Structure formats: structure tokens, C-alpha cells
């Protein structure tokens, strides 16, 4: 299974919702509302099928979108370029509420 298929799987959707609920949907880094169950040990094509990494709650961290983007791109990186992660974990143009 590739990463895109993994993030669409029922197992991941169940785990990520349950994990975020267990953290009260609070970002573990800044205290803002969390939107992402982030893998501390990043998923790769080599470990995406390893449930001890991919589906292990001990490998997750509840993050808001800003902290998730900072984790992957550093402060100002992707955000400054107008990029963010969408609900599937893919890069996309940042959505702005107007």
C-alpha cells in the first residue's frame, strides 16, 4: 500500500479520529485546535505497511495545521509559499477564509 492509499484507509481514519479525540483535539505543541494526527516517525514507502509505525498511537502527535507545516517545512517555509497540507496529507495551496 502506498501512503495515499494508507491515509484513505478505514484503519487510519479510525485511529486518527480516536487519537485526536484522546488529545481533546488540542495541538500538543501550541495549544491551538489540532487537525492532524502527525506521525513522529515519518511514513515512507518502506514502513507504511509496518503497523508498529503506521498505526501505533505512540508514534502520533496531535498538531494544528501551522505546527504540522512548521514540522515539515520549518517556520515560514511552505506557509510563506502559500502551501499547506490538505485533509489527505498532500501539499496544496493554502485555503484562506474570506
N, C-alpha and C. Protein backbone atom coordinates (compact mmCIF):
# COMPACT_ATOMS: atom_id res chain seq x y z
N UNK A 1 0.85 -1.18 0.00
CA UNK A 1 0.00 0.00 0.00
C UNK A 1 0.89 1.24 0.00
N UNK A 2 0.52 2.22 -0.80
CA UNK A 2 1.29 3.47 -0.80
C UNK A 2 0.71 4.42 0.25
N UNK A 3 1.40 5.55 0.48
CA UNK A 3 0.99 6.47 1.53
C UNK A 3 -0.39 7.06 1.27
N UNK A 4 -0.69 7.38 0.02
CA UNK A 4 -2.00 7.95 -0.29
C UNK A 4 -3.10 6.96 0.05
N UNK A 5 -2.93 5.72 -0.34
CA UNK A 5 -3.92 4.69 -0.02
C UNK A 5 -4.02 4.49 1.49
N UNK A 6 -2.89 4.51 2.18
CA UNK A 6 -2.90 4.35 3.63
C UNK A 6 -3.75 5.44 4.29
N UNK A 7 -3.53 6.71 3.90
CA UNK A 7 -4.26 7.81 4.52
C UNK A 7 -5.75 7.80 4.19
N UNK A 8 -6.16 7.03 3.19
CA UNK A 8 -7.57 6.87 2.86
C UNK A 8 -8.16 5.61 3.49
N UNK A 9 -7.35 4.82 4.16
CA UNK A 9 -7.83 3.54 4.71
C UNK A 9 -8.73 3.76 5.92
N UNK A 10 -9.65 2.83 6.12
CA UNK A 10 -10.55 2.88 7.27
C UNK A 10 -9.77 2.79 8.57
N UNK A 11 -8.72 1.97 8.59
CA UNK A 11 -7.92 1.81 9.81
C UNK A 11 -7.29 3.13 10.22
N UNK A 12 -6.72 3.87 9.25
CA UNK A 12 -6.10 5.16 9.57
C UNK A 12 -7.15 6.18 10.00
N UNK A 13 -8.26 6.25 9.29
CA UNK A 13 -9.30 7.22 9.64
C UNK A 13 -9.81 6.98 11.06
N UNK A 14 -10.02 5.71 11.42
CA UNK A 14 -10.47 5.38 12.78
C UNK A 14 -9.43 5.77 13.82
N UNK A 15 -8.17 5.38 13.57
CA UNK A 15 -7.11 5.67 14.53
C UNK A 15 -6.89 7.16 14.67
N UNK A 16 -6.81 7.89 13.59
CA UNK A 16 -6.52 9.33 13.69
C UNK A 16 -7.64 10.06 14.41
N UNK A 17 -8.90 9.72 14.15
CA UNK A 17 -10.02 10.35 14.87
C UNK A 17 -9.96 10.03 16.36
N UNK A 18 -9.75 8.74 16.67
CA UNK A 18 -9.70 8.33 18.08
C UNK A 18 -8.51 8.98 18.79
N UNK A 19 -7.38 9.09 18.10
CA UNK A 19 -6.20 9.70 18.71
C UNK A 19 -6.44 11.18 18.98
N UNK A 20 -6.95 11.91 18.00
CA UNK A 20 -7.22 13.32 18.19
C UNK A 20 -8.23 13.54 19.31
N UNK A 21 -9.23 12.68 19.38
CA UNK A 21 -10.22 12.76 20.47
C UNK A 21 -9.55 12.54 21.82
N UNK A 22 -8.61 11.58 21.88
CA UNK A 22 -7.92 11.31 23.14
C UNK A 22 -7.08 12.49 23.60
N UNK A 23 -6.72 13.36 22.67
CA UNK A 23 -5.95 14.58 22.98
C UNK A 23 -6.85 15.80 23.02
N UNK A 24 -8.17 15.57 23.02
CA UNK A 24 -9.17 16.64 23.06
C UNK A 24 -9.02 17.63 21.90
N UNK A 25 -8.50 17.15 20.79
CA UNK A 25 -8.30 17.98 19.60
C UNK A 25 -7.50 19.25 19.94
N UNK A 26 -6.50 19.10 20.82
CA UNK A 26 -5.63 20.21 21.20
C UNK A 26 -4.22 19.92 20.67
N UNK A 27 -3.64 20.89 19.98
CA UNK A 27 -2.28 20.75 19.46
C UNK A 27 -1.32 20.55 20.63
N UNK A 28 -0.51 19.52 20.55
CA UNK A 28 0.43 19.20 21.61
C UNK A 28 1.62 20.16 21.66
N UNK A 29 1.76 21.01 20.66
CA UNK A 29 2.88 21.95 20.65
C UNK A 29 2.49 23.36 21.06
N UNK A 30 1.32 23.81 20.61
CA UNK A 30 0.98 25.22 20.85
C UNK A 30 -0.35 25.42 21.56
N UNK A 31 -1.17 24.39 21.67
CA UNK A 31 -2.43 24.51 22.37
C UNK A 31 -3.61 24.96 21.53
N UNK A 32 -3.37 25.24 20.25
CA UNK A 32 -4.48 25.60 19.36
C UNK A 32 -5.26 24.33 18.99
N UNK A 33 -6.39 24.46 18.32
CA UNK A 33 -7.14 23.27 17.90
C UNK A 33 -6.32 22.39 16.94
N UNK A 34 -6.24 21.11 17.26
CA UNK A 34 -5.49 20.16 16.43
C UNK A 34 -6.36 19.66 15.29
N UNK A 35 -5.75 19.49 14.13
CA UNK A 35 -6.44 18.98 12.95
C UNK A 35 -5.78 17.74 12.38
N UNK A 36 -4.54 17.47 12.78
CA UNK A 36 -3.74 16.42 12.16
C UNK A 36 -3.20 15.47 13.21
N UNK A 37 -3.33 14.18 12.96
CA UNK A 37 -2.61 13.17 13.74
C UNK A 37 -1.31 12.94 12.97
N UNK A 38 -0.24 13.52 13.46
CA UNK A 38 1.06 13.53 12.78
C UNK A 38 1.90 12.33 13.22
N UNK A 39 2.54 11.67 12.26
CA UNK A 39 3.47 10.59 12.57
C UNK A 39 4.80 11.18 13.01
N UNK A 40 5.20 10.92 14.24
CA UNK A 40 6.51 11.39 14.74
C UNK A 40 7.64 10.78 13.89
N UNK A 41 7.56 9.50 13.69
CA UNK A 41 8.48 8.83 12.76
C UNK A 41 7.75 8.81 11.43
N UNK A 42 8.24 9.60 10.48
CA UNK A 42 7.55 9.80 9.21
C UNK A 42 7.30 8.49 8.49
N UNK A 43 6.17 8.44 7.79
CA UNK A 43 5.88 7.28 6.95
C UNK A 43 6.68 7.37 5.66
N UNK A 44 7.18 6.23 5.24
CA UNK A 44 7.93 6.12 4.00
C UNK A 44 7.38 4.92 3.23
N UNK A 45 7.74 4.78 1.97
CA UNK A 45 7.30 3.58 1.24
C UNK A 45 7.78 2.28 1.91
N UNK A 46 8.88 2.36 2.65
CA UNK A 46 9.42 1.15 3.29
C UNK A 46 8.68 0.78 4.58
N UNK A 47 8.10 1.79 5.29
CA UNK A 47 7.48 1.46 6.57
C UNK A 47 5.96 1.66 6.62
N UNK A 48 5.36 2.09 5.52
CA UNK A 48 3.93 2.37 5.53
C UNK A 48 3.08 1.14 5.86
N UNK A 49 3.59 -0.04 5.58
CA UNK A 49 2.87 -1.28 5.88
C UNK A 49 3.24 -1.88 7.23
N UNK A 50 4.12 -1.23 7.96
CA UNK A 50 4.53 -1.69 9.28
C UNK A 50 3.58 -1.07 10.31
N UNK A 51 2.65 -1.87 10.83
CA UNK A 51 1.64 -1.34 11.74
C UNK A 51 2.24 -0.80 13.04
N UNK A 52 3.43 -1.28 13.42
CA UNK A 52 4.06 -0.76 14.63
C UNK A 52 4.53 0.68 14.45
N UNK A 53 4.57 1.15 13.22
CA UNK A 53 4.91 2.54 12.92
C UNK A 53 3.67 3.29 12.45
N UNK A 54 3.02 2.76 11.43
CA UNK A 54 1.92 3.46 10.77
C UNK A 54 0.66 3.56 11.63
N UNK A 55 0.37 2.53 12.41
CA UNK A 55 -0.87 2.50 13.19
C UNK A 55 -0.61 2.43 14.69
N UNK A 56 0.50 2.97 15.12
CA UNK A 56 0.87 2.96 16.53
C UNK A 56 0.59 4.33 17.15
N UNK A 57 -0.36 4.41 18.10
CA UNK A 57 -0.65 5.71 18.70
C UNK A 57 0.55 6.35 19.39
N UNK A 58 1.52 5.54 19.82
CA UNK A 58 2.73 6.09 20.44
C UNK A 58 3.60 6.83 19.43
N UNK A 59 3.34 6.63 18.14
CA UNK A 59 4.08 7.31 17.09
C UNK A 59 3.31 8.53 16.56
N UNK A 60 2.24 8.92 17.24
CA UNK A 60 1.42 10.03 16.77
C UNK A 60 1.53 11.24 17.69
N UNK A 61 1.24 12.39 17.11
CA UNK A 61 1.22 13.64 17.84
C UNK A 61 0.07 14.48 17.26
N UNK A 62 -0.76 15.05 18.11
CA UNK A 62 -1.85 15.91 17.68
C UNK A 62 -1.29 17.29 17.36
N UNK A 63 -1.48 17.74 16.12
CA UNK A 63 -0.94 19.03 15.71
C UNK A 63 -1.99 19.88 15.01
N UNK A 64 -1.86 21.20 15.17
CA UNK A 64 -2.64 22.13 14.36
C UNK A 64 -1.96 22.19 12.99
N UNK A 65 -2.63 22.80 12.03
CA UNK A 65 -2.06 22.87 10.68
C UNK A 65 -0.75 23.67 10.67
N UNK A 66 -0.68 24.76 11.43
CA UNK A 66 0.55 25.58 11.45
C UNK A 66 1.73 24.80 11.99
N UNK A 67 1.54 24.08 13.09
CA UNK A 67 2.65 23.31 13.67
C UNK A 67 3.03 22.14 12.76
N UNK A 68 2.04 21.55 12.08
CA UNK A 68 2.34 20.46 11.15
C UNK A 68 3.17 20.98 9.98
N UNK A 69 2.78 22.13 9.45
CA UNK A 69 3.56 22.71 8.35
C UNK A 69 4.96 23.09 8.80
N UNK A 70 5.09 23.66 10.01
CA UNK A 70 6.41 24.02 10.54
C UNK A 70 7.27 22.78 10.71
N UNK A 71 6.69 21.67 11.14
CA UNK A 71 7.43 20.41 11.31
C UNK A 71 8.05 19.97 9.99
N UNK A 72 7.28 20.06 8.93
CA UNK A 72 7.75 19.55 7.64
C UNK A 72 8.56 20.56 6.84
N UNK A 73 8.31 21.85 7.04
CA UNK A 73 8.94 22.84 6.17
C UNK A 73 9.70 23.91 6.92
N UNK A 74 9.68 23.90 8.25
CA UNK A 74 10.32 24.95 9.01
C UNK A 74 9.47 26.20 9.01
N UNK A 75 9.72 27.06 9.91
CA UNK A 75 8.93 28.28 10.05
C UNK A 75 9.02 29.11 8.78
N UNK A 76 7.86 29.40 8.23
CA UNK A 76 7.79 30.25 7.05
C UNK A 76 8.03 29.53 5.74
N UNK A 77 8.49 28.30 5.74
CA UNK A 77 8.78 27.58 4.51
C UNK A 77 7.57 27.47 3.60
N UNK A 78 6.79 26.43 3.76
CA UNK A 78 5.64 26.21 2.90
C UNK A 78 4.58 27.27 3.11
N UNK A 79 4.41 27.71 4.35
CA UNK A 79 3.40 28.71 4.63
C UNK A 79 3.70 29.98 3.86
N UNK A 80 4.96 30.40 3.84
CA UNK A 80 5.35 31.61 3.12
C UNK A 80 5.12 31.44 1.62
N UNK A 81 5.16 30.21 1.14
CA UNK A 81 4.93 29.94 -0.28
C UNK A 81 3.47 29.70 -0.58
N UNK A 82 2.60 29.79 0.44
CA UNK A 82 1.18 29.59 0.23
C UNK A 82 0.78 28.13 0.14
N UNK A 83 1.60 27.22 0.71
CA UNK A 83 1.29 25.80 0.68
C UNK A 83 0.91 25.30 2.07
N UNK A 84 0.11 24.28 2.09
CA UNK A 84 -0.28 23.63 3.33
C UNK A 84 -0.58 22.18 3.02
N UNK A 85 -0.84 21.38 4.06
CA UNK A 85 -1.29 20.01 3.85
C UNK A 85 -2.80 20.00 3.81
N UNK A 86 -3.38 19.23 2.88
CA UNK A 86 -4.83 19.07 2.87
C UNK A 86 -5.23 17.92 3.78
N UNK A 87 -6.52 17.60 3.81
CA UNK A 87 -7.01 16.56 4.70
C UNK A 87 -6.46 15.18 4.40
N UNK A 88 -5.86 15.00 3.22
CA UNK A 88 -5.25 13.73 2.86
C UNK A 88 -3.76 13.69 3.13
N UNK A 89 -3.22 14.78 3.65
CA UNK A 89 -1.79 14.83 3.91
C UNK A 89 -0.96 15.22 2.71
N UNK A 90 -1.62 15.68 1.64
CA UNK A 90 -0.92 16.09 0.43
C UNK A 90 -0.74 17.60 0.44
N UNK A 91 0.31 18.08 -0.22
CA UNK A 91 0.53 19.53 -0.34
C UNK A 91 -0.52 20.14 -1.25
N UNK A 92 -1.01 21.29 -0.84
CA UNK A 92 -1.98 22.01 -1.68
C UNK A 92 -1.86 23.50 -1.37
N UNK A 93 -2.39 24.34 -2.27
CA UNK A 93 -2.39 25.77 -1.97
C UNK A 93 -3.18 26.03 -0.69
N UNK A 94 -2.69 26.96 0.12
CA UNK A 94 -3.34 27.27 1.39
C UNK A 94 -4.72 27.86 1.12
N UNK A 95 -5.71 27.34 1.85
CA UNK A 95 -7.06 27.87 1.73
C UNK A 95 -7.21 29.01 2.72
N UNK A 96 -7.75 30.10 2.25
CA UNK A 96 -7.95 31.26 3.11
C UNK A 96 -9.45 31.52 3.23
N UNK A 97 -9.89 31.78 4.45
CA UNK A 97 -11.28 32.15 4.68
C UNK A 97 -11.42 33.64 4.46
N UNK A 98 -12.32 34.02 3.55
CA UNK A 98 -12.55 35.43 3.29
C UNK A 98 -13.98 35.80 3.55
